[in-house]
Amino acid sequence: MHRPPLPRQPPSSSETPPGERTTPSRRSPRRVRRVLAPVTWCAWGQGSGRSGSGHSAMRRSERRAAEGPRPGSPVPTGKASLEEPPDGRAAGPGAGRRSTESEVYDDGTNTFFWRAHTLTVLFILTCALGYVTLLEETPQDTAYNTKRGIVASILVFLCFGVTQAKDGPFSRPHPAYWRFWLCVSVVYELFLIFILFQVSAAPVPAPLTRVLALQTVQDGRQFLKYIDPSLGVPLPERDYGGNCLIYDADNETDPFHNVWDKMDGFVPAHFLGWYLKTLMIRDWWMCMIVSVMFEFLEYSLEHQLPNFSECWWDHWIMDVLVCNGLGIYCGMKTLEWLSLKTYKWQGLWNIPTYKGKMKRIAFQFTPYSWVRFEWKPASSLRRWLAVCGIILVFLLAELNTFYLKFVLWMPPEHYLVLLRLVFFVNVGGVAMREIYDFMDDPKPHRKLGPQAWLVAAITVTELLIVVKYDPHTLTLSLPFYISQCWTLGSVLVLTWTVWRFFLRDITLRYKETRRQKQQSRGGPGRAVGNGDQHPLGPDEDPPGPGVAEGTGAAEGTGAAEGTGAAEGTGPPAPN
């Protein structure tokens, strides 16, 4: 059967009229992007999974096809090309982009700084191993060789991970930086697993439980001496409680000496820590809940750790209001600036002025793009449980800091404690972004990001080490009034959860079903009325077709205003 030809569509404004030759400089950037979308997606898939060069391959293919300006040439005025998102969504203002995600413009400049350098790293690593093997004399110290071999193995693994691991959600200052911390997370988790399996904690009778705990924790402390011989010494726990008078009238020299005694290095650490935590969580309510909940935990666990014993004004004024509150406030102001910032990136050699170049170098340490977190915990049961889990992991990570120091006899100023805090600062932001993407992803088959998975595993492993090395401290029973308060709080949270996500929904569905049944039972009488502001009775006849075309009858306003049959605009009803 012969099919008639389709009518010819008029050319759009972005297409070239017939008979006119198209030059690369006149080609529309949006049209080129639509044509190159499959090509750029293939380039992304080939590069991003191996060495993080997906950005480079995609942008190079765009420039070759569009024959645009080469790196180093002047950039045209106006907006630069919109970057193709890594998940293959269409580019364009508002196209395929979440409402909480900022718009990013990038000229696609690819320099030596952004290349993978896999062969360079492999060559340097091979030369270093060859030097150690062929030219360096091996010491005859077994302990030294063991430490050196472990460190070399870790460095080789880090070199492999930095060049070959998958890119994460962050790309500034460089994707290799975040790949490095992902590999450090793997090494740290393996180190914790090794410590966890050092001593077997087999079940023993109750009188021997404390003896076994002491042997276990002593073995752990002796193992840490291989890392630093200064460890393994009992630490004096400082009690921050004591005299809680803010103004001591008996001390004429310095009546505020109690306040000054509490002003140590932890005050700026609290402020800086909560400033960074706010940048991770990106929500004021969640930050305040975690801050207040940790103070309640300190109240509840001060019978286990003397370090948690503080004055009331140290808990609520210095910690919650001053240090934590000020850090959260500054963090929220930074988040506001980042959400309003214009994310337009140019190559360093495309910027003509030295001031612009210095500004571009400084902005290299700011995010490439920005996503505003909207947790919405009350929107669904799944999001509510996820937010509760995030808060629980945050609190566990905070408690592990104090319990690990107490169990393993590590002073607060030791470099291992500081390195752990630096580690969590670098991996926490990536983990929170991956958790948010996991919760906000509409696809049915979701996968939690590797950094979030590792942070959760590290937190649980640290808790298991504390439980195994010192079960006596953790099994000290809570005071009665403390246990009552936690029981009451748990019951309130559970009751609200059941009401919000079960009883409330059942009630709303029942009301909606009842309303629909009433509407269907009333039939056309409820929608039309009989002109005297009452619905039609069971023995009354409905109005004629003239009323159905009236202004009140068709829209259901005749019963309320009496304009049904009397003021209809259609022909009069037959008598």
Protein backbone atom coordinates (compact mmCIF):
# COMPACT_ATOMS: atom_id res chain seq x y z
CA MET A 1 0.00 0.00 0.00
CA HIS A 2 1.39 3.36 -1.01
CA ARG A 3 1.83 5.70 1.95
CA PRO A 4 1.36 9.41 1.21
CA PRO A 5 4.42 11.57 1.93
CA LEU A 6 4.48 13.48 5.18
CA PRO A 7 4.05 17.26 4.98
CA ARG A 8 7.31 19.16 5.02
CA GLN A 9 7.95 20.96 8.29
CA PRO A 10 9.27 24.51 8.14
CA PRO A 11 12.85 24.85 9.33
CA SER A 12 13.30 26.04 12.88
CA SER A 13 15.38 29.01 13.85
CA SER A 14 18.27 26.77 14.89
CA GLU A 15 18.41 24.91 11.53
CA THR A 16 20.11 26.13 8.37
CA PRO A 17 17.78 27.23 5.54
CA PRO A 18 18.02 25.26 2.27
CA GLY A 19 20.75 26.38 -0.05
CA GLU A 20 22.84 28.02 2.65
CA ARG A 21 26.07 26.35 3.65
CA THR A 22 26.65 25.86 7.34
CA THR A 23 29.99 26.85 8.82
CA PRO A 24 31.19 25.61 12.19
CA SER A 25 31.18 29.12 13.63
CA ARG A 26 27.51 29.61 12.74
CA ARG A 27 26.30 26.28 14.03
CA SER A 28 24.05 26.51 17.06
CA PRO A 29 25.70 25.20 20.26
CA ARG A 30 22.43 23.63 21.42
CA ARG A 31 22.01 21.81 18.10
CA VAL A 32 25.57 20.55 18.22
CA ARG A 33 25.00 19.34 21.79
CA ARG A 34 21.86 17.44 20.80
CA VAL A 35 23.71 15.75 17.95
CA LEU A 36 26.71 14.91 20.09
CA ALA A 37 24.80 13.70 23.14
CA PRO A 38 25.33 9.95 22.39
CA VAL A 39 28.97 10.53 21.47
CA THR A 40 29.74 12.49 24.62
CA TRP A 41 27.96 9.92 26.77
CA CYS A 42 30.09 7.13 25.28
CA ALA A 43 33.23 9.16 25.95
CA TRP A 44 32.11 9.69 29.55
CA GLY A 45 31.41 6.00 30.09
CA GLN A 46 34.82 5.03 28.75
CA GLY A 47 36.81 7.47 30.82
CA SER A 48 35.10 8.08 34.14
CA GLY A 49 35.18 4.51 35.37
CA ARG A 50 38.96 4.12 35.01
CA SER A 51 40.94 7.23 35.62
CA GLY A 52 38.56 10.10 35.97
CA SER A 53 39.26 11.44 32.48
CA GLY A 54 35.61 11.39 31.44
CA HIS A 55 35.38 15.17 31.57
CA SER A 56 38.40 15.47 29.32
CA ALA A 57 37.25 12.95 26.71
CA MET A 58 33.77 14.41 26.57
CA ARG A 59 34.91 17.98 26.20
CA ARG A 60 37.55 17.13 23.59
CA SER A 61 34.95 15.36 21.44
CA GLU A 62 32.64 18.34 21.72
CA ARG A 63 35.33 20.77 20.61
CA ARG A 64 36.46 18.61 17.72
CA ALA A 65 32.92 18.15 16.39
CA ALA A 66 31.86 21.74 16.87
CA GLU A 67 35.29 23.07 15.72
CA GLY A 68 35.09 25.71 18.35
CA PRO A 69 37.96 27.80 19.68
CA ARG A 70 41.03 25.95 20.86
CA PRO A 71 42.39 26.34 24.41
CA GLY A 72 44.17 29.62 24.70
CA SER A 73 41.99 31.48 22.24
CA PRO A 74 39.73 34.30 23.42
CA VAL A 75 36.44 33.11 24.88
CA PRO A 76 33.35 34.72 23.32
CA THR A 77 31.27 36.92 25.50
CA GLY A 78 28.15 35.59 27.13
CA LYS A 79 27.53 32.23 28.69
CA ALA A 80 29.85 29.36 27.99
CA SER A 81 28.60 25.95 26.93
CA LEU A 82 26.57 24.12 29.48
CA GLU A 83 28.33 21.01 30.72
CA GLU A 84 26.81 17.64 29.96
CA PRO A 85 25.77 15.94 33.21
CA PRO A 86 27.59 12.66 33.90
CA ASP A 87 24.41 10.59 33.97
CA GLY A 88 23.52 11.30 30.35
CA ARG A 89 20.71 13.76 30.97
CA ALA A 90 20.06 16.39 28.37
CA ALA A 91 21.81 19.67 28.92
CA GLY A 92 20.16 23.01 28.86
CA PRO A 93 18.74 25.50 31.32
CA GLY A 94 16.55 23.46 33.59
CA ALA A 95 16.64 20.33 31.37
CA GLY A 96 17.25 17.13 33.34
CA ARG A 97 18.48 19.09 36.34
CA ARG A 98 17.05 18.84 39.82
CA SER A 99 15.41 21.90 41.28
CA THR A 100 18.01 21.91 44.09
CA GLU A 101 20.97 21.69 41.69
CA SER A 102 22.83 24.73 40.46
CA GLU A 103 23.46 25.48 36.79
CA VAL A 104 27.07 25.04 35.68
CA TYR A 105 28.80 26.58 32.66
CA ASP A 106 32.22 25.31 31.57
CA ASP A 107 34.25 26.21 28.48
CA GLY A 108 35.71 22.68 28.49
CA THR A 109 39.38 23.62 28.68
CA ASN A 110 41.50 20.49 29.14
CA THR A 111 45.02 21.00 30.50
CA PHE A 112 47.85 18.85 31.81
CA PHE A 113 46.45 19.27 35.31
CA TRP A 114 43.28 17.29 34.50
CA ARG A 115 44.81 14.31 32.73
CA ALA A 116 45.04 10.90 34.39
CA HIS A 117 48.85 10.34 34.12
CA THR A 118 48.48 6.58 34.59
CA LEU A 119 51.67 5.76 32.68
CA THR A 120 53.64 8.47 34.49
CA VAL A 121 52.64 7.14 37.91
CA LEU A 122 53.40 3.57 36.84
CA PHE A 123 56.86 4.58 35.57
CA ILE A 124 57.75 6.46 38.78
CA LEU A 125 56.49 3.60 40.95
CA THR A 126 58.51 1.04 38.97
CA CYS A 127 61.66 3.15 39.24
CA ALA A 128 61.23 3.51 43.00
CA LEU A 129 60.76 -0.24 43.51
CA GLY A 130 63.72 -0.98 41.25
CA TYR A 131 65.93 1.38 43.25
CA VAL A 132 64.97 -0.26 46.53
CA THR A 133 65.54 -3.73 45.12
CA LEU A 134 68.80 -3.23 43.21
CA LEU A 135 70.68 -0.32 44.76
CA GLU A 136 69.61 -0.06 48.40
CA GLU A 137 71.05 -2.33 51.06
CA THR A 138 68.42 -4.20 53.04
CA PRO A 139 68.71 -3.68 56.83
CA GLN A 140 68.95 -6.73 59.09
CA ASP A 141 66.21 -5.47 61.44
CA THR A 142 63.09 -7.66 61.14
CA ALA A 143 60.75 -5.21 62.87
CA TYR A 144 61.99 -2.32 60.72
CA ASN A 145 61.62 -4.34 57.52
CA THR A 146 58.11 -5.38 58.51
CA LYS A 147 57.03 -1.78 59.09
CA ARG A 148 58.69 -0.67 55.88
CA GLY A 149 57.05 -3.43 53.86
CA ILE A 150 53.59 -2.56 55.21
CA VAL A 151 54.06 1.12 54.40
CA ALA A 152 55.28 0.31 50.87
CA SER A 153 52.29 -1.96 50.28
CA ILE A 154 49.92 0.80 51.36
CA LEU A 155 51.64 3.34 49.09
CA VAL A 156 51.39 1.03 46.07
CA PHE A 157 47.69 0.51 46.76
CA LEU A 158 47.16 4.28 47.05
CA CYS A 159 48.94 4.87 43.72
CA PHE A 160 46.70 2.32 42.06
CA GLY A 161 43.54 3.76 43.60
CA VAL A 162 44.35 7.39 42.79
CA THR A 163 44.86 6.60 39.10
CA GLN A 164 42.29 3.84 38.55
CA ALA A 165 39.45 4.22 41.09
CA LYS A 166 36.05 5.52 40.07
CA ASP A 167 35.33 9.22 40.41
CA GLY A 168 33.03 10.40 43.16
CA PRO A 169 30.50 13.24 43.22
CA PHE A 170 33.16 15.91 43.90
CA SER A 171 35.71 17.16 41.36
CA ARG A 172 37.35 20.11 43.14
CA PRO A 173 40.16 20.75 43.75
CA HIS A 174 40.85 17.58 41.73
CA PRO A 175 39.10 14.20 41.36
CA ALA A 176 42.34 12.43 42.32
CA TYR A 177 42.16 14.09 45.74
CA TRP A 178 38.84 12.41 46.53
CA ARG A 179 39.99 9.11 45.04
CA PHE A 180 42.94 9.26 47.43
CA TRP A 181 40.67 9.58 50.47
CA LEU A 182 38.51 6.73 49.20
CA CYS A 183 41.58 4.48 49.17
CA VAL A 184 42.61 5.76 52.62
CA SER A 185 39.15 4.69 53.84
CA VAL A 186 39.82 1.15 52.60
CA VAL A 187 43.22 1.08 54.34
CA TYR A 188 41.76 2.40 57.61
CA GLU A 189 38.94 -0.14 57.57
CA LEU A 190 41.43 -2.98 57.00
CA PHE A 191 43.55 -1.66 59.88
CA LEU A 192 40.51 -1.67 62.18
CA ILE A 193 39.60 -5.20 61.11
CA PHE A 194 43.15 -6.31 61.92
CA ILE A 195 42.94 -4.82 65.41
CA LEU A 196 39.52 -6.35 65.95
CA PHE A 197 40.82 -9.87 65.30
CA GLN A 198 43.92 -9.67 67.48
CA VAL A 199 42.48 -11.32 70.60
CA SER A 200 39.72 -13.87 70.81
CA ALA A 201 36.96 -12.84 73.19
CA ALA A 202 35.42 -16.25 73.88
CA PRO A 203 32.47 -16.44 76.31
CA VAL A 204 33.65 -16.92 79.89
CA PRO A 205 31.94 -16.96 83.29
CA ALA A 206 30.93 -13.66 84.77
CA PRO A 207 33.76 -13.40 87.37
CA LEU A 208 36.37 -13.67 84.60
CA THR A 209 34.78 -11.11 82.27
CA ARG A 210 36.68 -8.16 83.67
CA VAL A 211 39.98 -10.06 83.68
CA LEU A 212 39.53 -10.99 80.00
CA ALA A 213 38.65 -7.41 79.17
CA LEU A 214 41.84 -6.15 80.80
CA GLN A 215 43.94 -8.70 78.89
CA THR A 216 42.25 -7.77 75.62
CA VAL A 217 42.73 -4.03 75.98
CA GLN A 218 46.34 -4.51 77.10
CA ASP A 219 47.07 -6.46 73.91
CA GLY A 220 45.55 -3.65 71.87
CA ARG A 221 47.62 -1.04 73.66
CA GLN A 222 50.80 -3.06 73.19
CA PHE A 223 50.05 -3.39 69.48
CA LEU A 224 49.79 0.40 69.13
CA LYS A 225 53.32 0.66 70.55
CA TYR A 226 54.58 -0.67 67.21
CA ILE A 227 53.21 2.52 65.66
CA ASP A 228 54.34 4.91 68.40
CA PRO A 229 56.42 3.72 71.39
CA SER A 230 55.07 6.60 73.51
CA LEU A 231 51.62 5.04 73.59
CA GLY A 232 50.45 2.50 76.16
CA VAL A 233 50.75 4.86 79.14
CA PRO A 234 47.70 5.44 81.40
CA LEU A 235 46.11 8.82 80.83
CA PRO A 236 44.79 11.12 83.55
CA GLU A 237 41.15 11.76 82.75
CA ARG A 238 40.27 15.40 83.24
CA ASP A 239 37.00 16.13 85.00
CA TYR A 240 35.34 19.22 83.57
CA GLY A 241 32.74 19.27 86.34
CA GLY A 242 34.05 20.10 89.76
CA ASN A 243 33.36 23.67 90.83
CA CYS A 244 30.61 25.00 88.54
CA LEU A 245 30.37 28.53 89.89
CA ILE A 246 30.53 31.05 87.09
CA TYR A 247 31.48 33.84 89.49
CA ASP A 248 33.55 32.71 92.47
CA ALA A 249 33.35 35.49 95.05
CA ASP A 250 35.87 33.76 97.32
CA ASN A 251 38.59 34.18 94.72
CA GLU A 252 39.34 37.89 94.73
CA THR A 253 42.19 37.60 92.23
CA ASP A 254 40.13 36.06 89.39
CA PRO A 255 36.44 35.42 90.17
CA PHE A 256 35.91 33.91 86.68
CA HIS A 257 38.70 31.36 87.00
CA ASN A 258 36.24 28.47 86.48
CA VAL A 259 35.29 29.85 83.08
CA TRP A 260 38.90 30.40 82.03
CA ASP A 261 39.81 26.87 83.09
CA LYS A 262 37.31 25.48 80.60
CA MET A 263 38.74 27.58 77.76
CA ASP A 264 41.18 25.12 76.22
CA GLY A 265 41.93 23.94 72.70
CA PHE A 266 38.60 22.17 72.43
CA VAL A 267 36.69 25.47 72.19
CA PRO A 268 37.97 26.43 68.69
CA ALA A 269 37.88 22.72 67.78
CA HIS A 270 34.16 22.62 68.61
CA PHE A 271 33.50 25.70 66.48
CA LEU A 272 35.51 24.49 63.49
CA GLY A 273 34.07 21.00 63.76
CA TRP A 274 30.48 22.16 63.68
CA TYR A 275 31.20 24.59 60.88
CA LEU A 276 32.44 21.68 58.75
CA LYS A 277 29.60 19.39 59.87
CA THR A 278 27.11 22.02 58.73
CA LEU A 279 28.73 22.05 55.30
CA MET A 280 28.30 18.26 55.22
CA ILE A 281 24.69 18.01 56.44
CA ARG A 282 23.46 21.29 54.84
CA ASP A 283 20.41 21.48 57.11
CA TRP A 284 19.97 23.65 60.21
CA TRP A 285 17.45 21.40 61.96
CA MET A 286 19.52 18.25 61.62
CA CYS A 287 22.64 20.01 62.88
CA MET A 288 20.84 21.34 65.95
CA ILE A 289 19.32 17.94 66.70
CA VAL A 290 22.72 16.23 66.53
CA SER A 291 24.28 18.96 68.68
CA VAL A 292 21.64 18.76 71.42
CA MET A 293 21.47 14.96 71.30
CA PHE A 294 25.21 14.68 71.88
CA GLU A 295 24.93 16.84 75.00
CA PHE A 296 22.22 14.50 76.30
CA LEU A 297 24.55 11.57 75.59
CA GLU A 298 27.28 13.25 77.61
CA TYR A 299 24.85 13.63 80.51
CA SER A 300 23.86 9.97 80.19
CA LEU A 301 27.38 8.48 79.89
CA GLU A 302 29.35 10.56 82.37
CA HIS A 303 29.28 7.57 84.77
CA GLN A 304 31.33 5.64 82.16
CA LEU A 305 33.73 8.35 80.98
CA PRO A 306 34.75 11.04 83.50
CA ASN A 307 35.58 13.28 80.54
CA PHE A 308 31.85 13.69 79.90
CA SER A 309 31.27 15.27 83.33
CA GLU A 310 30.80 18.97 82.67
CA CYS A 311 29.02 21.91 84.27
CA TRP A 312 25.53 22.83 83.10
CA TRP A 313 26.72 26.09 81.59
CA ASP A 314 29.55 24.25 79.85
CA HIS A 315 26.98 21.95 78.21
CA TRP A 316 24.33 24.42 77.14
CA ILE A 317 26.04 27.83 76.96
CA MET A 318 29.61 27.19 75.84
CA ASP A 319 28.93 24.09 73.74
CA VAL A 320 25.41 24.35 72.31
CA LEU A 321 24.96 28.12 72.08
CA VAL A 322 28.47 29.54 71.65
CA CYS A 323 30.74 26.97 69.95
CA ASN A 324 28.25 24.72 68.18
CA GLY A 325 25.66 27.42 67.54
CA LEU A 326 28.18 29.89 66.13
CA GLY A 327 29.74 27.19 63.96
CA ILE A 328 26.32 26.18 62.61
CA TYR A 329 25.42 29.82 61.93
CA CYS A 330 28.64 30.48 59.99
CA GLY A 331 28.14 27.21 58.12
CA MET A 332 24.61 28.17 57.09
CA LYS A 333 25.86 31.54 55.85
CA THR A 334 28.50 29.76 53.78
CA LEU A 335 25.85 27.43 52.37
CA GLU A 336 23.73 30.42 51.41
CA TRP A 337 26.67 31.97 49.56
CA LEU A 338 27.44 28.70 47.78
CA SER A 339 23.81 28.27 46.68
CA LEU A 340 23.72 31.79 45.20
CA LYS A 341 27.16 31.64 43.59
CA THR A 342 27.46 31.56 39.79
CA TYR A 343 29.31 28.43 38.68
CA LYS A 344 31.00 29.50 35.46
CA TRP A 345 34.41 27.97 34.79
CA GLN A 346 37.05 29.10 32.32
CA GLY A 347 40.51 27.82 31.56
CA LEU A 348 43.31 29.71 33.27
CA TRP A 349 44.88 30.74 29.96
CA ASN A 350 41.54 32.04 28.68
CA ILE A 351 41.43 34.72 31.40
CA PRO A 352 43.24 37.89 30.25
CA THR A 353 43.97 39.64 33.58
CA TYR A 354 46.25 38.52 36.40
CA LYS A 355 43.58 39.35 38.94
CA GLY A 356 41.17 37.06 37.15
CA LYS A 357 43.80 34.30 37.06
CA MET A 358 44.40 34.54 40.82
CA LYS A 359 40.68 34.52 41.45
CA ARG A 360 40.32 31.43 39.27
CA ILE A 361 43.09 29.66 41.23
CA ALA A 362 41.36 30.48 44.52
CA PHE A 363 37.99 29.25 43.20
CA GLN A 364 39.62 25.95 42.28
CA PHE A 365 39.21 25.05 45.98
CA THR A 366 35.47 25.76 45.93
CA PRO A 367 32.81 23.29 44.70
CA TYR A 368 32.43 22.75 40.95
CA SER A 369 28.63 22.84 41.35
CA TRP A 370 26.18 22.92 44.21
CA VAL A 371 23.23 20.81 45.29
CA ARG A 372 20.95 22.08 48.03
CA PHE A 373 19.94 19.26 50.37
CA GLU A 374 16.23 18.90 51.07
CA TRP A 375 15.98 15.94 53.43
CA LYS A 376 12.17 16.12 53.99
CA PRO A 377 12.13 13.50 56.78
CA ALA A 378 8.36 13.66 57.25
CA SER A 379 7.53 13.08 53.58
CA SER A 380 7.76 9.27 53.74
CA LEU A 381 8.66 6.48 56.13
CA ARG A 382 11.76 5.62 54.09
CA ARG A 383 13.18 9.14 54.32
CA TRP A 384 12.30 9.36 58.01
CA LEU A 385 14.22 6.14 58.79
CA ALA A 386 17.12 7.28 56.61
CA VAL A 387 17.41 10.61 58.45
CA CYS A 388 17.24 8.82 61.82
CA GLY A 389 20.01 6.49 60.63
CA ILE A 390 22.19 9.43 59.56
CA ILE A 391 21.78 11.07 62.98
CA LEU A 392 22.61 7.76 64.70
CA VAL A 393 25.81 7.28 62.68
CA PHE A 394 26.88 10.87 63.42
CA LEU A 395 26.40 10.33 67.15
CA LEU A 396 28.23 6.99 67.07
CA ALA A 397 31.18 8.54 65.25
CA GLU A 398 31.34 11.28 67.89
CA LEU A 399 31.21 8.80 70.76
CA ASN A 400 33.84 6.56 69.16
CA THR A 401 36.31 9.44 69.33
CA PHE A 402 36.12 9.55 73.13
CA TYR A 403 35.78 5.83 73.77
CA LEU A 404 38.73 4.88 71.55
CA LYS A 405 40.95 7.37 73.36
CA PHE A 406 39.78 6.01 76.72
CA VAL A 407 40.17 2.34 75.81
CA LEU A 408 43.50 2.55 73.93
CA TRP A 409 45.14 5.19 76.16
CA MET A 410 45.63 7.74 73.43
CA PRO A 411 46.10 11.37 74.52
CA PRO A 412 43.81 13.92 72.82
CA GLU A 413 46.74 15.77 71.26
CA HIS A 414 48.28 12.64 69.69
CA TYR A 415 48.72 12.77 65.94
CA LEU A 416 46.65 9.59 65.42
CA VAL A 417 43.63 11.29 67.00
CA LEU A 418 44.13 14.36 64.83
CA LEU A 419 44.60 12.23 61.70
CA ARG A 420 41.31 10.45 62.42
CA LEU A 421 39.50 13.79 62.67
CA VAL A 422 41.09 15.01 59.42
CA PHE A 423 40.07 11.74 57.80
CA PHE A 424 36.41 12.12 58.77
CA VAL A 425 36.39 15.76 57.66
CA ASN A 426 37.47 14.73 54.14
CA VAL A 427 35.29 11.65 53.74
CA GLY A 428 32.20 12.95 55.56
CA GLY A 429 31.16 15.43 52.87
CA VAL A 430 31.42 12.85 50.08
CA ALA A 431 29.52 10.28 52.16
CA MET A 432 26.66 12.70 52.88
CA ARG A 433 26.37 13.62 49.19
CA GLU A 434 26.25 9.95 48.20
CA ILE A 435 23.60 9.24 50.84
CA TYR A 436 21.49 12.16 49.63
CA ASP A 437 21.80 11.02 46.00
CA PHE A 438 20.83 7.51 47.09
CA MET A 439 17.70 8.82 48.83
CA ASP A 440 16.81 11.25 46.04
CA ASP A 441 17.39 8.88 43.13
CA PRO A 442 14.06 7.95 41.49
CA LYS A 443 15.49 4.83 39.80
CA PRO A 444 14.22 1.53 41.25
CA HIS A 445 17.66 -0.11 41.40
CA ARG A 446 19.81 2.17 43.52
CA LYS A 447 23.31 1.58 44.88
CA LEU A 448 24.88 3.28 47.87
CA GLY A 449 28.09 5.09 47.05
CA PRO A 450 31.43 3.54 48.04
CA GLN A 451 32.46 6.33 50.40
CA ALA A 452 29.16 6.24 52.30
CA TRP A 453 29.42 2.45 52.53
CA LEU A 454 32.94 2.65 53.94
CA VAL A 455 32.10 5.39 56.47
CA ALA A 456 29.23 3.29 57.84
CA ALA A 457 31.46 0.20 58.01
CA ILE A 458 34.26 2.15 59.77
CA THR A 459 31.86 3.56 62.36
CA VAL A 460 30.46 0.11 63.19
CA THR A 461 33.95 -1.46 63.31
CA GLU A 462 35.19 1.20 65.74
CA LEU A 463 32.20 0.52 67.97
CA LEU A 464 32.91 -3.23 67.88
CA ILE A 465 36.53 -2.60 68.89
CA VAL A 466 35.38 -0.61 71.91
CA VAL A 467 32.86 -3.31 72.84
CA LYS A 468 35.43 -6.09 72.52
CA TYR A 469 38.36 -4.34 74.22
CA ASP A 470 36.51 -2.91 77.20
CA PRO A 471 33.07 -4.48 77.70
CA HIS A 472 33.16 -3.70 81.42
CA THR A 473 32.96 0.05 80.82
CA LEU A 474 30.12 -0.22 78.33
CA THR A 475 28.09 -2.57 80.53
CA LEU A 476 27.97 -0.16 83.46
CA SER A 477 24.24 0.28 84.01
CA LEU A 478 22.65 3.65 83.43
CA PRO A 479 21.26 5.55 86.40
CA PHE A 480 17.54 4.99 86.89
CA TYR A 481 16.43 8.51 86.00
CA ILE A 482 18.63 8.46 82.87
CA SER A 483 17.11 5.20 81.66
CA GLN A 484 13.61 6.58 82.32
CA CYS A 485 14.32 9.67 80.22
CA TRP A 486 15.63 7.63 77.28
CA THR A 487 12.71 5.23 77.52
CA LEU A 488 10.23 8.11 77.47
CA GLY A 489 11.98 9.72 74.50
CA SER A 490 12.04 6.46 72.54
CA VAL A 491 8.33 5.89 73.19
CA LEU A 492 7.50 9.42 72.02
CA VAL A 493 9.50 9.02 68.81
CA LEU A 494 7.97 5.60 68.11
CA THR A 495 4.45 6.91 68.81
CA TRP A 496 4.92 9.86 66.46
CA THR A 497 6.28 7.53 63.76
CA VAL A 498 3.27 5.20 63.99
CA TRP A 499 0.82 8.11 63.97
CA ARG A 500 2.50 10.01 61.13
CA PHE A 501 3.11 7.18 58.70
CA PHE A 502 0.38 4.67 59.58
CA LEU A 503 -2.61 6.01 61.57
CA ARG A 504 -2.66 9.41 59.87
CA ASP A 505 -2.54 7.90 56.39
CA ILE A 506 -5.28 5.40 57.25
CA THR A 507 -7.46 8.24 58.59
CA LEU A 508 -6.89 10.37 55.51
CA ARG A 509 -7.68 7.49 53.18
CA TYR A 510 -10.85 6.71 55.12
CA LYS A 511 -12.02 10.32 54.90
CA GLU A 512 -11.26 10.48 51.18
CA THR A 513 -13.14 7.21 50.53
CA ARG A 514 -16.11 8.44 52.55
CA ARG A 515 -16.20 11.72 50.63
CA GLN A 516 -16.09 9.92 47.29
CA LYS A 517 -18.92 7.61 48.34
CA GLN A 518 -21.06 10.57 49.39
CA GLN A 519 -20.43 12.26 46.05
CA SER A 520 -21.26 9.12 44.08
CA ARG A 521 -24.39 8.49 46.19
CA GLY A 522 -25.65 12.05 45.59
CA GLY A 523 -25.17 11.70 41.82
CA PRO A 524 -26.14 14.65 39.61
CA GLY A 525 -28.34 16.09 42.38
CA ARG A 526 -25.30 17.34 44.31
CA ALA A 527 -23.74 18.85 41.26
CA VAL A 528 -26.91 20.49 39.87
CA GLY A 529 -29.35 21.28 42.69
CA ASN A 530 -33.02 22.23 42.25
CA GLY A 531 -32.66 26.00 42.33
CA ASP A 532 -33.63 26.52 46.00
CA GLN A 533 -30.15 25.78 47.46
CA HIS A 534 -31.04 22.14 48.30
CA PRO A 535 -29.93 18.94 46.58
CA LEU A 536 -32.49 16.96 44.62
CA GLY A 537 -34.58 14.50 46.58
CA PRO A 538 -35.07 10.87 45.60
CA ASP A 539 -38.58 11.58 44.11
CA GLU A 540 -37.61 14.77 42.24
CA ASP A 541 -36.89 14.82 38.55
CA PRO A 542 -33.63 16.36 37.36
CA PRO A 543 -33.82 19.59 35.34
CA GLY A 544 -34.04 19.55 31.57
CA PRO A 545 -31.19 19.93 29.15
CA GLY A 546 -31.54 23.69 29.25
CA VAL A 547 -30.37 23.74 32.83
CA ALA A 548 -27.43 21.52 32.02
CA GLU A 549 -26.14 24.27 29.75
CA GLY A 550 -26.67 27.06 32.24
CA THR A 551 -23.91 28.76 34.07
CA GLY A 552 -24.87 27.38 37.46
CA ALA A 553 -25.89 23.88 36.43
CA ALA A 554 -22.77 23.06 34.47
CA GLU A 555 -20.35 24.23 37.14
CA GLY A 556 -22.22 23.27 40.28
CA THR A 557 -22.86 26.88 41.33
CA GLY A 558 -26.60 26.91 40.80
CA ALA A 559 -27.36 25.25 44.12
CA ALA A 560 -25.30 27.76 46.03
CA GLU A 561 -26.37 30.92 44.18
CA GLY A 562 -29.77 30.05 42.78
CA THR A 563 -28.68 30.72 39.22
CA GLY A 564 -29.24 27.25 37.80
CA ALA A 565 -32.45 27.14 35.71
CA ALA A 566 -33.53 30.73 36.11
CA GLU A 567 -30.31 32.31 34.80
CA GLY A 568 -29.14 29.66 32.36
CA THR A 569 -27.58 30.79 29.14
CA GLY A 570 -28.90 27.89 27.03
CA PRO A 571 -32.41 27.50 25.56
CA PRO A 572 -35.30 27.35 28.08
CA ALA A 573 -36.34 23.97 29.40
CA PRO A 574 -39.54 22.53 27.91
CA ASN A 575 -42.67 22.75 30.06
